[in-house]
Amino acid sequence: VIDASNENYHLQKETTLKVLKELKVDSKKIIDVYNKVDA
């Protein structure tokens, strides 16, 4: 889940993916859900 209304969402996305990589789950199926498009 990504906050599409945040202008730095791409950096936030990278932060999450970095932690997922540390947990060794980045190879799992991931669907990017850009939330808050109403904003």
Full PDB file with SEQRES, HELIX, SHEET, SSBOND, CRYST1, ORIGX, SCALE, CONECT and MASTER records, all heavy atoms in Angstrom:
SEQRES   1 A   39  VAL ILE ASP ALA SER ASN GLU ASN TYR HIS LEU GLN LYS          
SEQRES   2 A   39  GLU THR THR LEU LYS VAL LEU LYS GLU LEU LYS VAL ASP          
SEQRES   3 A   39  SER LYS LYS ILE ILE ASP VAL TYR ASN LYS VAL ASP ALA          
HELIX    1 AA1 TYR A    9  GLU A   22  1                                  14    
SHEET    1 AA1 2 ILE A   2  ASP A   3  0                                        
SHEET    2 AA1 2 TYR A  34  ASN A  35  1                                        
CRYST1    1.000    1.000    1.000  90.00  90.00  90.00 P 1           1          
ORIGX1      1.000000  0.000000  0.000000        0.00000                         
ORIGX2      0.000000  1.000000  0.000000        0.00000                         
ORIGX3      0.000000  0.000000  1.000000        0.00000                         
SCALE1      1.000000  0.000000  0.000000        0.00000                         
SCALE2      0.000000  1.000000  0.000000        0.00000                         
SCALE3      0.000000  0.000000  1.000000        0.00000                         
ATOM      1  N   VAL A   1       0.850  -1.194   0.000  1.00  0.00           N  
ATOM      2  CA  VAL A   1       0.000   0.000   0.000  1.00  0.00           C  
ATOM      3  C   VAL A   1       0.884   1.241   0.000  1.00  0.00           C  
ATOM      4  O   VAL A   1       1.737   1.420   0.869  1.00  0.00           O  
ATOM      5  CB  VAL A   1      -0.941   0.008   1.218  1.00  0.00           C  
ATOM      6  CG1 VAL A   1      -1.896   1.200   1.141  1.00  0.00           C  
ATOM      7  CG2 VAL A   1      -1.736  -1.301   1.280  1.00  0.00           C  
ATOM      8  N   ILE A   2       0.670   2.111  -0.984  1.00  0.00           N  
ATOM      9  CA  ILE A   2       1.490   3.306  -1.187  1.00  0.00           C  
ATOM     10  C   ILE A   2       0.590   4.541  -1.145  1.00  0.00           C  
ATOM     11  O   ILE A   2      -0.480   4.558  -1.755  1.00  0.00           O  
ATOM     12  CB  ILE A   2       2.211   3.238  -2.550  1.00  0.00           C  
ATOM     13  CG1 ILE A   2       3.066   1.959  -2.632  1.00  0.00           C  
ATOM     14  CG2 ILE A   2       3.062   4.474  -2.792  1.00  0.00           C  
ATOM     15  CD1 ILE A   2       3.443   1.571  -4.043  1.00  0.00           C  
ATOM     16  N   ASP A   3       1.018   5.562  -0.416  1.00  0.00           N  
ATOM     17  CA  ASP A   3       0.253   6.805  -0.329  1.00  0.00           C  
ATOM     18  C   ASP A   3       0.522   7.646  -1.577  1.00  0.00           C  
ATOM     19  O   ASP A   3       1.524   8.364  -1.655  1.00  0.00           O  
ATOM     20  CB  ASP A   3       0.650   7.578   0.934  1.00  0.00           C  
ATOM     21  CG  ASP A   3      -0.125   8.887   1.089  1.00  0.00           C  
ATOM     22  OD1 ASP A   3      -0.947   9.211   0.204  1.00  0.00           O  
ATOM     23  OD2 ASP A   3       0.093   9.583   2.097  1.00  0.00           O  
ATOM     24  N   ALA A   4      -0.380   7.554  -2.550  1.00  0.00           N  
ATOM     25  CA  ALA A   4      -0.181   8.255  -3.820  1.00  0.00           C  
ATOM     26  C   ALA A   4      -0.238   9.772  -3.661  1.00  0.00           C  
ATOM     27  O   ALA A   4       0.254  10.509  -4.527  1.00  0.00           O  
ATOM     28  CB  ALA A   4      -1.230   7.799  -4.829  1.00  0.00           C  
ATOM     29  N   SER A   5      -0.827  10.255  -2.561  1.00  0.00           N  
ATOM     30  CA  SER A   5      -0.949  11.698  -2.361  1.00  0.00           C  
ATOM     31  C   SER A   5       0.321  12.321  -1.788  1.00  0.00           C  
ATOM     32  O   SER A   5       0.438  13.540  -1.716  1.00  0.00           O  
ATOM     33  CB  SER A   5      -2.124  12.002  -1.424  1.00  0.00           C  
ATOM     34  OG  SER A   5      -1.864  11.536  -0.106  1.00  0.00           O  
ATOM     35  N   ASN A   6       1.275  11.483  -1.369  1.00  0.00           N  
ATOM     36  CA  ASN A   6       2.532  11.985  -0.815  1.00  0.00           C  
ATOM     37  C   ASN A   6       3.528  12.193  -1.945  1.00  0.00           C  
ATOM     38  O   ASN A   6       3.808  11.277  -2.714  1.00  0.00           O  
ATOM     39  CB  ASN A   6       3.088  10.999   0.213  1.00  0.00           C  
ATOM     40  CG  ASN A   6       4.248  11.579   1.010  1.00  0.00           C  
ATOM     41  OD1 ASN A   6       5.260  11.991   0.456  1.00  0.00           O  
ATOM     42  ND2 ASN A   6       4.092  11.602   2.324  1.00  0.00           N  
ATOM     43  N   GLU A   7       4.056  13.401  -2.057  1.00  0.00           N  
ATOM     44  CA  GLU A   7       4.952  13.713  -3.175  1.00  0.00           C  
ATOM     45  C   GLU A   7       6.250  12.908  -3.130  1.00  0.00           C  
ATOM     46  O   GLU A   7       6.963  12.802  -4.137  1.00  0.00           O  
ATOM     47  CB  GLU A   7       5.265  15.204  -3.215  1.00  0.00           C  
ATOM     48  CG  GLU A   7       5.967  15.736  -1.979  1.00  0.00           C  
ATOM     49  CD  GLU A   7       6.206  17.233  -2.044  1.00  0.00           C  
ATOM     50  OE1 GLU A   7       5.539  17.903  -2.852  1.00  0.00           O  
ATOM     51  OE2 GLU A   7       7.062  17.720  -1.293  1.00  0.00           O  
ATOM     52  N   ASN A   8       6.554  12.328  -1.981  1.00  0.00           N  
ATOM     53  CA  ASN A   8       7.754  11.496  -1.860  1.00  0.00           C  
ATOM     54  C   ASN A   8       7.413  10.011  -1.828  1.00  0.00           C  
ATOM     55  O   ASN A   8       8.162   9.215  -1.265  1.00  0.00           O  
ATOM     56  CB  ASN A   8       8.529  11.872  -0.591  1.00  0.00           C  
ATOM     57  CG  ASN A   8       9.162  13.253  -0.677  1.00  0.00           C  
ATOM     58  OD1 ASN A   8      10.036  13.496  -1.500  1.00  0.00           O  
ATOM     59  ND2 ASN A   8       8.699  14.148   0.172  1.00  0.00           N  
ATOM     60  N   TYR A   9       6.286   9.655  -2.454  1.00  0.00           N  
ATOM     61  CA  TYR A   9       5.844   8.258  -2.336  1.00  0.00           C  
ATOM     62  C   TYR A   9       6.853   7.276  -2.929  1.00  0.00           C  
ATOM     63  O   TYR A   9       6.963   6.140  -2.476  1.00  0.00           O  
ATOM     64  CB  TYR A   9       4.463   8.073  -2.965  1.00  0.00           C  
ATOM     65  CG  TYR A   9       4.393   8.095  -4.468  1.00  0.00           C  
ATOM     66  CD1 TYR A   9       4.838   7.008  -5.226  1.00  0.00           C  
ATOM     67  CD2 TYR A   9       3.843   9.178  -5.139  1.00  0.00           C  
ATOM     68  CE1 TYR A   9       4.758   7.021  -6.603  1.00  0.00           C  
ATOM     69  CE2 TYR A   9       3.761   9.198  -6.520  1.00  0.00           C  
ATOM     70  CZ  TYR A   9       4.221   8.122  -7.248  1.00  0.00           C  
ATOM     71  OH  TYR A   9       4.140   8.132  -8.622  1.00  0.00           O  
ATOM     72  N   HIS A  10       7.592   7.706  -3.968  1.00  0.00           N  
ATOM     73  CA  HIS A  10       8.566   6.788  -4.572  1.00  0.00           C  
ATOM     74  C   HIS A  10       9.703   6.476  -3.600  1.00  0.00           C  
ATOM     75  O   HIS A  10      10.233   5.367  -3.582  1.00  0.00           O  
ATOM     76  CB  HIS A  10       9.119   7.376  -5.882  1.00  0.00           C  
ATOM     77  CG  HIS A  10       9.779   8.708  -5.737  1.00  0.00           C  
ATOM     78  ND1 HIS A  10       9.077   9.856  -5.458  1.00  0.00           N  
ATOM     79  CD2 HIS A  10      11.092   9.074  -5.822  1.00  0.00           C  
ATOM     80  CE1 HIS A  10       9.911  10.877  -5.391  1.00  0.00           C  
ATOM     81  NE2 HIS A  10      11.136  10.436  -5.586  1.00  0.00           N  
ATOM     82  N   LEU A  11      10.059   7.443  -2.745  1.00  0.00           N  
ATOM     83  CA  LEU A  11      11.084   7.202  -1.728  1.00  0.00           C  
ATOM     84  C   LEU A  11      10.536   6.326  -0.609  1.00  0.00           C  
ATOM     85  O   LEU A  11      11.235   5.471  -0.063  1.00  0.00           O  
ATOM     86  CB  LEU A  11      11.591   8.531  -1.168  1.00  0.00           C  
ATOM     87  CG  LEU A  11      12.332   9.433  -2.163  1.00  0.00           C  
ATOM     88  CD1 LEU A  11      12.635  10.788  -1.546  1.00  0.00           C  
ATOM     89  CD2 LEU A  11      13.619   8.771  -2.626  1.00  0.00           C  
ATOM     90  N   GLN A  12       9.266   6.551  -0.262  1.00  0.00           N  
ATOM     91  CA  GLN A  12       8.633   5.709   0.752  1.00  0.00           C  
ATOM     92  C   GLN A  12       8.527   4.268   0.253  1.00  0.00           C  
ATOM     93  O   GLN A  12       8.707   3.326   1.020  1.00  0.00           O  
ATOM     94  CB  GLN A  12       7.252   6.265   1.094  1.00  0.00           C  
ATOM     95  CG  GLN A  12       7.283   7.635   1.756  1.00  0.00           C  
ATOM     96  CD  GLN A  12       5.906   8.130   2.139  1.00  0.00           C  
ATOM     97  OE1 GLN A  12       4.892   7.548   1.764  1.00  0.00           O  
ATOM     98  NE2 GLN A  12       5.855   9.220   2.895  1.00  0.00           N  
ATOM     99  N   LYS A  13       8.246   4.135  -1.049  1.00  0.00           N  
ATOM    100  CA  LYS A  13       8.161   2.811  -1.658  1.00  0.00           C  
ATOM    101  C   LYS A  13       9.506   2.094  -1.553  1.00  0.00           C  
ATOM    102  O   LYS A  13       9.577   0.912  -1.187  1.00  0.00           O  
ATOM    103  CB  LYS A  13       7.729   2.938  -3.119  1.00  0.00           C  
ATOM    104  CG  LYS A  13       7.638   1.613  -3.867  1.00  0.00           C  
ATOM    105  CD  LYS A  13       7.212   1.842  -5.312  1.00  0.00           C  
ATOM    106  CE  LYS A  13       7.200   0.522  -6.084  1.00  0.00           C  
ATOM    107  NZ  LYS A  13       6.787   0.723  -7.504  1.00  0.00           N  
ATOM    108  N   GLU A  14      10.578   2.824  -1.844  1.00  0.00           N  
ATOM    109  CA  GLU A  14      11.924   2.238  -1.759  1.00  0.00           C  
ATOM    110  C   GLU A  14      12.253   1.817  -0.331  1.00  0.00           C  
ATOM    111  O   GLU A  14      12.892   0.776  -0.111  1.00  0.00           O  
ATOM    112  CB  GLU A  14      12.956   3.256  -2.264  1.00  0.00           C  
ATOM    113  CG  GLU A  14      12.912   3.486  -3.767  1.00  0.00           C  
ATOM    114  CD  GLU A  14      13.863   4.585  -4.210  1.00  0.00           C  
ATOM    115  OE1 GLU A  14      14.698   5.015  -3.385  1.00  0.00           O  
ATOM    116  OE2 GLU A  14      13.767   5.025  -5.366  1.00  0.00           O  
ATOM    117  N   THR A  15      11.829   2.614   0.646  1.00  0.00           N  
ATOM    118  CA  THR A  15      12.077   2.280   2.054  1.00  0.00           C  
ATOM    119  C   THR A  15      11.414   0.960   2.415  1.00  0.00           C  
ATOM    120  O   THR A  15      12.020   0.095   3.054  1.00  0.00           O  
ATOM    121  CB  THR A  15      11.548   3.392   2.975  1.00  0.00           C  
ATOM    122  OG1 THR A  15      12.244   4.613   2.685  1.00  0.00           O  
ATOM    123  CG2 THR A  15      11.745   3.039   4.441  1.00  0.00           C  
ATOM    124  N   THR A  16      10.156   0.799   2.004  1.00  0.00           N  
ATOM    125  CA  THR A  16       9.430  -0.442   2.301  1.00  0.00           C  
ATOM    126  C   THR A  16      10.091  -1.635   1.623  1.00  0.00           C  
ATOM    127  O   THR A  16      10.294  -2.684   2.245  1.00  0.00           O  
ATOM    128  CB  THR A  16       7.967  -0.326   1.835  1.00  0.00           C  
ATOM    129  OG1 THR A  16       7.344   0.773   2.507  1.00  0.00           O  
ATOM    130  CG2 THR A  16       7.197  -1.606   2.149  1.00  0.00           C  
ATOM    131  N   LEU A  17      10.435  -1.482   0.347  1.00  0.00           N  
ATOM    132  CA  LEU A  17      11.065  -2.577  -0.388  1.00  0.00           C  
ATOM    133  C   LEU A  17      12.405  -2.962   0.226  1.00  0.00           C  
ATOM    134  O   LEU A  17      12.788  -4.141   0.223  1.00  0.00           O  
ATOM    135  CB  LEU A  17      11.249  -2.191  -1.856  1.00  0.00           C  
ATOM    136  CG  LEU A  17       9.960  -2.042  -2.671  1.00  0.00           C  
ATOM    137  CD1 LEU A  17      10.260  -1.541  -4.079  1.00  0.00           C  
ATOM    138  CD2 LEU A  17       9.195  -3.364  -2.728  1.00  0.00           C  
ATOM    139  N   LYS A  18      13.099  -1.975   0.775  1.00  0.00           N  
ATOM    140  CA  LYS A  18      14.381  -2.243   1.435  1.00  0.00           C  
ATOM    141  C   LYS A  18      14.186  -3.144   2.651  1.00  0.00           C  
ATOM    142  O   LYS A  18      14.939  -4.098   2.866  1.00  0.00           O  
ATOM    143  CB  LYS A  18      15.036  -0.921   1.851  1.00  0.00           C  
ATOM    144  CG  LYS A  18      16.405  -1.079   2.491  1.00  0.00           C  
ATOM    145  CD  LYS A  18      16.983   0.280   2.855  1.00  0.00           C  
ATOM    146  CE  LYS A  18      18.330   0.138   3.554  1.00  0.00           C  
ATOM    147  NZ  LYS A  18      18.876   1.469   3.940  1.00  0.00           N  
ATOM    148  N   VAL A  19      13.144  -2.850   3.452  1.00  0.00           N  
ATOM    149  CA  VAL A  19      12.866  -3.671   4.634  1.00  0.00           C  
ATOM    150  C   VAL A  19      12.406  -5.064   4.213  1.00  0.00           C  
ATOM    151  O   VAL A  19      12.802  -6.071   4.809  1.00  0.00           O  
ATOM    152  CB  VAL A  19      11.811  -3.003   5.543  1.00  0.00           C  
ATOM    153  CG1 VAL A  19      11.483  -3.900   6.732  1.00  0.00           C  
ATOM    154  CG2 VAL A  19      12.309  -1.651   6.029  1.00  0.00           C  
ATOM    155  N   LEU A  20      11.570  -5.141   3.172  1.00  0.00           N  
ATOM    156  CA  LEU A  20      11.112  -6.443   2.678  1.00  0.00           C  
ATOM    157  C   LEU A  20      12.291  -7.286   2.197  1.00  0.00           C  
ATOM    158  O   LEU A  20      12.300  -8.511   2.366  1.00  0.00           O  
ATOM    159  CB  LEU A  20      10.094  -6.251   1.552  1.00  0.00           C  
ATOM    160  CG  LEU A  20       8.755  -5.629   1.941  1.00  0.00           C  
ATOM    161  CD1 LEU A  20       7.873  -5.439   0.707  1.00  0.00           C  
ATOM    162  CD2 LEU A  20       8.026  -6.470   2.985  1.00  0.00           C  
ATOM    163  N   LYS A  21      13.276  -6.615   1.627  1.00  0.00           N  
ATOM    164  CA  LYS A  21      14.470  -7.335   1.184  1.00  0.00           C  
ATOM    165  C   LYS A  21      15.240  -7.866   2.379  1.00  0.00           C  
ATOM    166  O   LYS A  21      15.762  -8.987   2.352  1.00  0.00           O  
ATOM    167  CB  LYS A  21      15.356  -6.407   0.348  1.00  0.00           C  
ATOM    168  CG  LYS A  21      16.513  -7.122  -0.335  1.00  0.00           C  
ATOM    169  CD  LYS A  21      17.228  -6.199  -1.310  1.00  0.00           C  
ATOM    170  CE  LYS A  21      18.333  -6.965  -2.048  1.00  0.00           C  
ATOM    171  NZ  LYS A  21      19.025  -6.099  -3.031  1.00  0.00           N  
ATOM    172  N   GLU A  22      15.316  -7.067   3.455  1.00  0.00           N  
ATOM    173  CA  GLU A  22      15.977  -7.510   4.679  1.00  0.00           C  
ATOM    174  C   GLU A  22      15.275  -8.732   5.263  1.00  0.00           C  
ATOM    175  O   GLU A  22      15.904  -9.610   5.851  1.00  0.00           O  
ATOM    176  CB  GLU A  22      16.008  -6.384   5.719  1.00  0.00           C  
ATOM    177  CG  GLU A  22      16.959  -5.252   5.382  1.00  0.00           C  
ATOM    178  CD  GLU A  22      16.949  -4.151   6.438  1.00  0.00           C  
ATOM    179  OE1 GLU A  22      16.520  -4.427   7.571  1.00  0.00           O  
ATOM    180  OE2 GLU A  22      17.371  -3.031   6.125  1.00  0.00           O  
ATOM    181  N   LEU A  23      13.963  -8.780   5.090  1.00  0.00           N  
ATOM    182  CA  LEU A  23      13.181  -9.919   5.582  1.00  0.00           C  
ATOM    183  C   LEU A  23      13.198 -11.089   4.601  1.00  0.00           C  
ATOM    184  O   LEU A  23      12.622 -12.141   4.885  1.00  0.00           O  
ATOM    185  CB  LEU A  23      11.727  -9.484   5.830  1.00  0.00           C  
ATOM    186  CG  LEU A  23      11.500  -8.471   6.947  1.00  0.00           C  
ATOM    187  CD1 LEU A  23      10.073  -7.951   6.912  1.00  0.00           C  
ATOM    188  CD2 LEU A  23      11.802  -9.076   8.301  1.00  0.00           C  
ATOM    189  N   LYS A  24      13.854 -10.874   3.440  1.00  0.00           N  
ATOM    190  CA  LYS A  24      13.993 -11.904   2.407  1.00  0.00           C  
ATOM    191  C   LYS A  24      12.638 -12.369   1.857  1.00  0.00           C  
ATOM    192  O   LYS A  24      12.426 -13.549   1.603  1.00  0.00           O  
ATOM    193  CB  LYS A  24      14.791 -13.096   2.946  1.00  0.00           C  
ATOM    194  CG  LYS A  24      16.203 -12.720   3.361  1.00  0.00           C  
ATOM    195  CD  LYS A  24      16.976 -13.921   3.915  1.00  0.00           C  
ATOM    196  CE  LYS A  24      18.385 -13.498   4.312  1.00  0.00           C  
ATOM    197  NZ  LYS A  24      19.173 -14.620   4.898  1.00  0.00           N  
ATOM    198  N   VAL A  25      11.728 -11.405   1.691  1.00  0.00           N  
ATOM    199  CA  VAL A  25      10.416 -11.732   1.115  1.00  0.00           C  
ATOM    200  C   VAL A  25      10.159 -10.929  -0.155  1.00  0.00           C  
ATOM    201  O   VAL A  25       9.048 -10.943  -0.690  1.00  0.00           O  
ATOM    202  CB  VAL A  25       9.272 -11.481   2.129  1.00  0.00           C  
ATOM    203  CG1 VAL A  25       9.395 -12.406   3.320  1.00  0.00           C  
ATOM    204  CG2 VAL A  25       9.239 -10.019   2.573  1.00  0.00           C  
ATOM    205  N   ASP A  26      11.185 -10.225  -0.633  1.00  0.00           N  
ATOM    206  CA  ASP A  26      11.000  -9.374  -1.808  1.00  0.00           C  
ATOM    207  C   ASP A  26      10.780 -10.184  -3.085  1.00  0.00           C  
ATOM    208  O   ASP A  26      10.375  -9.637  -4.112  1.00  0.00           O  
ATOM    209  CB  ASP A  26      12.193  -8.430  -1.989  1.00  0.00           C  
ATOM    210  CG  ASP A  26      13.527  -9.174  -2.040  1.00  0.00           C  
ATOM    211  OD1 ASP A  26      13.728 -10.075  -1.207  1.00  0.00           O  
ATOM    212  OD2 ASP A  26      14.358  -8.852  -2.906  1.00  0.00           O  
ATOM    213  N   SER A  27      11.036 -11.500  -3.027  1.00  0.00           N  
ATOM    214  CA  SER A  27      10.816 -12.345  -4.200  1.00  0.00           C  
ATOM    215  C   SER A  27       9.367 -12.838  -4.290  1.00  0.00           C  
ATOM    216  O   SER A  27       8.966 -13.433  -5.297  1.00  0.00           O  
ATOM    217  CB  SER A  27      11.757 -13.556  -4.163  1.00  0.00           C  
ATOM    218  OG  SER A  27      11.529 -14.336  -2.996  1.00  0.00           O  
ATOM    219  N   LYS A  28       8.559 -12.589  -3.249  1.00  0.00           N  
ATOM    220  CA  LYS A  28       7.152 -12.982  -3.272  1.00  0.00           C  
ATOM    221  C   LYS A  28       6.370 -12.111  -4.262  1.00  0.00           C  
ATOM    222  O   LYS A  28       6.827 -11.038  -4.661  1.00  0.00           O  
ATOM    223  CB  LYS A  28       6.535 -12.849  -1.872  1.00  0.00           C  
ATOM    224  CG  LYS A  28       6.977 -13.925  -0.896  1.00  0.00           C  
ATOM    225  CD  LYS A  28       6.282 -13.734   0.447  1.00  0.00           C  
ATOM    226  CE  LYS A  28       6.633 -14.868   1.395  1.00  0.00           C  
ATOM    227  NZ  LYS A  28       5.974 -16.126   1.024  1.00  0.00           N  
ATOM    228  N   LYS A  29       5.205 -12.581  -4.619  1.00  0.00           N  
ATOM    229  CA  LYS A  29       4.338 -11.800  -5.497  1.00  0.00           C  
ATOM    230  C   LYS A  29       3.890 -10.536  -4.774  1.00  0.00           C  
ATOM    231  O   LYS A  29       3.317 -10.595  -3.677  1.00  0.00           O  
ATOM    232  CB  LYS A  29       3.116 -12.631  -5.898  1.00  0.00           C  
ATOM    233  CG  LYS A  29       2.148 -11.910  -6.828  1.00  0.00           C  
ATOM    234  CD  LYS A  29       2.729 -11.722  -8.214  1.00  0.00           C  
ATOM    235  CE  LYS A  29       1.741 -11.102  -9.177  1.00  0.00           C  
ATOM    236  NZ  LYS A  29       2.248 -11.006 -10.538  1.00  0.00           N  
ATOM    237  N   ILE A  30       4.174  -9.381  -5.372  1.00  0.00           N  
ATOM    238  CA  ILE A  30       3.820  -8.091  -4.762  1.00  0.00           C  
ATOM    239  C   ILE A  30       2.953  -7.295  -5.724  1.00  0.00           C  
ATOM    240  O   ILE A  30       3.311  -7.109  -6.891  1.00  0.00           O  
ATOM    241  CB  ILE A  30       5.075  -7.270  -4.394  1.00  0.00           C  
ATOM    242  CG1 ILE A  30       5.963  -8.040  -3.404  1.00  0.00           C  
ATOM    243  CG2 ILE A  30       4.680  -5.917  -3.807  1.00  0.00           C  
ATOM    244  CD1 ILE A  30       7.264  -7.336  -3.067  1.00  0.00           C  
ATOM    245  N   ILE A  31       1.813  -6.843  -5.224  1.00  0.00           N  
ATOM    246  CA  ILE A  31       0.938  -5.951  -5.988  1.00  0.00           C  
ATOM    247  C   ILE A  31       1.064  -4.553  -5.390  1.00  0.00           C  
ATOM    248  O   ILE A  31       0.854  -4.363  -4.184  1.00  0.00           O  
ATOM    249  CB  ILE A  31      -0.539  -6.408  -5.930  1.00  0.00           C  
ATOM    250  CG1 ILE A  31      -0.699  -7.828  -6.489  1.00  0.00           C  
ATOM    251  CG2 ILE A  31      -1.428  -5.418  -6.695  1.00  0.00           C  
ATOM    252  CD1 ILE A  31      -0.381  -7.960  -7.956  1.00  0.00           C  
ATOM    253  N   ASP A  32       1.436  -3.572  -6.208  1.00  0.00           N  
ATOM    254  CA  ASP A  32       1.532  -2.188  -5.737  1.00  0.00           C  
ATOM    255  C   ASP A  32       0.137  -1.559  -5.749  1.00  0.00           C  
ATOM    256  O   ASP A  32      -0.487  -1.443  -6.811  1.00  0.00           O  
ATOM    257  CB  ASP A  32       2.470  -1.379  -6.625  1.00  0.00           C  
ATOM    258  CG  ASP A  32       3.934  -1.768  -6.438  1.00  0.00           C  
ATOM    259  OD1 ASP A  32       4.266  -2.280  -5.345  1.00  0.00           O  
ATOM    260  OD2 ASP A  32       4.726  -1.577  -7.368  1.00  0.00           O  
ATOM    261  N   VAL A  33      -0.339  -1.167  -4.566  1.00  0.00           N  
ATOM    262  CA  VAL A  33      -1.673  -0.576  -4.435  1.00  0.00           C  
ATOM    263  C   VAL A  33      -1.509   0.897  -4.069  1.00  0.00           C  
ATOM    264  O   VAL A  33      -1.226   1.245  -2.923  1.00  0.00           O  
ATOM    265  CB  VAL A  33      -2.497  -1.308  -3.349  1.00  0.00           C  
ATOM    266  CG1 VAL A  33      -3.896  -0.696  -3.251  1.00  0.00           C  
ATOM    267  CG2 VAL A  33      -2.583  -2.795  -3.664  1.00  0.00           C  
ATOM    268  N   TYR A  34      -1.653   1.769  -5.074  1.00  0.00           N  
ATOM    269  CA  TYR A  34      -1.525   3.203  -4.843  1.00  0.00           C  
ATOM    270  C   TYR A  34      -2.841   3.717  -4.261  1.00  0.00           C  
ATOM    271  O   TYR A  34      -3.855   3.799  -4.953  1.00  0.00           O  
ATOM    272  CB  TYR A  34      -1.179   3.925  -6.146  1.00  0.00           C  
ATOM    273  CG  TYR A  34       0.253   3.689  -6.589  1.00  0.00           C  
ATOM    274  CD1 TYR A  34       0.592   2.535  -7.287  1.00  0.00           C  
ATOM    275  CD2 TYR A  34       1.253   4.598  -6.284  1.00  0.00           C  
ATOM    276  CE1 TYR A  34       1.900   2.301  -7.689  1.00  0.00           C  
ATOM    277  CE2 TYR A  34       2.569   4.379  -6.681  1.00  0.00           C  
ATOM    278  CZ  TYR A  34       2.877   3.226  -7.375  1.00  0.00           C  
ATOM    279  OH  TYR A  34       4.184   3.006  -7.762  1.00  0.00           O  
ATOM    280  N   ASN A  35      -2.793   4.082  -2.992  1.00  0.00           N  
ATOM    281  CA  ASN A  35      -3.982   4.487  -2.251  1.00  0.00           C  
ATOM    282  C   ASN A  35      -4.123   6.021  -2.236  1.00  0.00           C  
ATOM    283  O   ASN A  35      -3.182   6.740  -2.581  1.00  0.00           O  
ATOM    284  CB  ASN A  35      -3.890   3.933  -0.825  1.00  0.00           C  
ATOM    285  CG  ASN A  35      -5.174   4.098  -0.043  1.00  0.00           C  
ATOM    286  OD1 ASN A  35      -6.262   4.166  -0.622  1.00  0.00           O  
ATOM    287  ND2 ASN A  35      -5.078   4.176   1.267  1.00  0.00           N  
ATOM    288  N   LYS A  36      -5.281   6.499  -1.830  1.00  0.00           N  
ATOM    289  CA  LYS A  36      -5.586   7.932  -1.661  1.00  0.00           C  
ATOM    290  C   LYS A  36      -5.581   8.698  -2.986  1.00  0.00           C  
ATOM    291  O   LYS A  36      -5.222   9.882  -3.033  1.00  0.00           O  
ATOM    292  CB  LYS A  36      -4.610   8.581  -0.669  1.00  0.00           C  
ATOM    293  CG  LYS A  36      -4.530   7.885   0.682  1.00  0.00           C  
ATOM    294  CD  LYS A  36      -3.641   8.623   1.660  1.00  0.00           C  
ATOM    295  CE  LYS A  36      -3.492   7.871   2.973  1.00  0.00           C  
ATOM    296  NZ  LYS A  36      -2.646   8.580   3.952  1.00  0.00           N  
ATOM    297  N   VAL A  37      -5.991   8.028  -4.079  1.00  0.00           N  
ATOM    298  CA  VAL A  37      -6.034   8.725  -5.376  1.00  0.00           C  
ATOM    299  C   VAL A  37      -7.122   9.788  -5.404  1.00  0.00           C  
ATOM    300  O   VAL A  37      -7.121  10.654  -6.284  1.00  0.00           O  
ATOM    301  CB  VAL A  37      -6.232   7.733  -6.546  1.00  0.00           C  
ATOM    302  CG1 VAL A  37      -5.039   6.805  -6.673  1.00  0.00           C  
ATOM    303  CG2 VAL A  37      -7.526   6.941  -6.393  1.00  0.00           C  
ATOM    304  N   ASP A  38      -8.050   9.741  -4.440  1.00  0.00           N  
ATOM    305  CA  ASP A  38      -9.077  10.778  -4.356  1.00  0.00           C  
ATOM    306  C   ASP A  38      -8.479  12.132  -3.967  1.00  0.00           C  
ATOM    307  O   ASP A  38      -9.110  13.176  -4.164  1.00  0.00           O  
ATOM    308  CB  ASP A  38     -10.147  10.382  -3.329  1.00  0.00           C  
ATOM    309  CG  ASP A  38      -9.562  10.130  -1.952  1.00  0.00           C  
ATOM    310  OD1 ASP A  38      -8.680   9.253  -1.850  1.00  0.00           O  
ATOM    311  OD2 ASP A  38      -9.969  10.798  -0.981  1.00  0.00           O  
ATOM    312  N   ALA A  39      -7.249  12.097  -3.413  1.00  0.00           N  
ATOM    313  CA  ALA A  39      -6.620  13.323  -2.926  1.00  0.00           C  
ATOM    314  C   ALA A  39      -5.656  13.938  -3.941  1.00  0.00           C  
ATOM    315  O   ALA A  39      -4.985  14.918  -3.639  1.00  0.00           O  
ATOM    316  CB  ALA A  39      -5.881  13.042  -1.619  1.00  0.00           C  
TER     317      ALA A  39                                                      
MASTER        0    0    0    1    2    0    0    6  316    1    0    3          
END                                                                             
